[in-house]
C-alpha cells in the first residue's frame, strides 16, 4: 500500500505545484486508484494506514472530478 500511496501523492503534489490536472487523468492514475482501493480493502485491520490511504484516494478522485468537469466546459 505504501508504494501506491506514494504514487498517488506524487500526482497530487504535481497538481498542487503546477495547478495542471493532467496527471490525474492519465491512465496510470485510474489504475493506481483501483489498486489502492483494493489495498485498502485488504488492510482493514491497519486502521491508521487505511485512513491515510482513503484520504489520499479521496483527493485523487476530487481532482479527477475537477479535471473532468473542466473538460465538459
Protein backbone atom coordinates (compact mmCIF):
# COMPACT_ATOMS: atom_id res chain seq x y z
CA UNK A 1 0.00 0.00 0.00
CA UNK A 2 2.91 2.35 0.72
CA UNK A 3 4.10 2.39 -2.89
CA UNK A 4 0.61 3.08 -4.18
CA UNK A 5 0.08 5.89 -1.70
CA UNK A 6 3.44 7.39 -2.70
CA UNK A 7 2.49 7.25 -6.40
CA UNK A 8 -0.86 8.91 -5.79
CA UNK A 9 0.70 11.52 -3.51
CA UNK A 10 3.22 12.33 -6.25
CA UNK A 11 0.33 13.01 -8.64
CA UNK A 12 -1.39 15.21 -6.06
CA UNK A 13 1.81 17.11 -5.37
CA UNK A 14 2.28 17.68 -9.11
CA UNK A 15 -1.20 19.17 -9.32
CA UNK A 16 -0.55 21.36 -6.30
CA UNK A 17 2.76 22.58 -7.73
CA UNK A 18 1.58 23.27 -11.27
CA UNK A 19 -2.21 23.64 -10.99
CA UNK A 20 -2.34 21.30 -14.01
CA UNK A 21 -4.80 18.44 -13.53
CA UNK A 22 -3.50 16.38 -16.45
CA UNK A 23 -1.58 13.92 -14.26
CA UNK A 24 -4.75 12.75 -12.51
CA UNK A 25 -6.39 11.91 -15.84
CA UNK A 26 -3.56 9.72 -17.12
CA UNK A 27 -4.47 6.03 -17.46
CA UNK A 28 -1.97 5.19 -14.73
CA UNK A 29 -3.88 7.35 -12.26
CA UNK A 30 -7.04 5.29 -12.70
CA UNK A 31 -5.08 2.06 -12.31
CA UNK A 32 -3.42 3.39 -9.15
CA UNK A 33 -6.82 4.36 -7.75
CA UNK A 34 -8.19 0.87 -8.39
CA UNK A 35 -5.14 -0.80 -6.88
CA UNK A 36 -5.16 1.47 -3.84
CA UNK A 37 -8.86 0.77 -3.31
CA UNK A 38 -8.12 -2.97 -3.36
CA UNK A 39 -5.22 -2.50 -0.93
CA UNK A 40 -7.45 -0.56 1.46
CA UNK A 41 -9.97 -3.39 1.46
CA UNK A 42 -7.23 -5.89 2.26
CA UNK A 43 -5.74 -3.74 5.05
CA UNK A 44 -8.86 -3.01 7.08
CA UNK A 45 -7.08 -4.22 10.22
CA UNK A 46 -4.48 -1.47 9.78
CA UNK A 47 -6.78 1.42 10.69
CA UNK A 48 -4.39 4.37 10.53
CA UNK A 49 -2.78 3.38 7.21
CA UNK A 50 -6.17 2.61 5.69
CA UNK A 51 -7.44 6.01 6.88
CA UNK A 52 -4.46 7.79 5.29
CA UNK A 53 -4.93 5.83 2.08
CA UNK A 54 -8.61 6.80 1.93
CA UNK A 55 -7.64 10.45 2.43
CA UNK A 56 -5.13 10.33 -0.44
CA UNK A 57 -7.55 8.42 -2.64
CA UNK A 58 -10.30 10.92 -1.92
CA UNK A 59 -8.15 13.81 -3.11
CA UNK A 60 -7.24 11.90 -6.27
CA UNK A 61 -10.93 11.40 -7.05
CA UNK A 62 -11.69 15.03 -6.21
CA UNK A 63 -9.00 16.29 -8.59
CA UNK A 64 -10.18 13.86 -11.29
CA UNK A 65 -13.73 15.17 -10.92
CA UNK A 66 -12.49 18.75 -11.27
CA UNK A 67 -10.50 17.84 -14.35
CA UNK A 68 -13.40 16.01 -15.96
CA UNK A 69 -15.79 18.87 -15.19
CA UNK A 70 -13.30 21.23 -16.83
CA UNK A 71 -13.30 19.11 -19.99
CA UNK A 72 -17.07 19.48 -20.29
CA UNK A 73 -16.88 23.26 -20.45
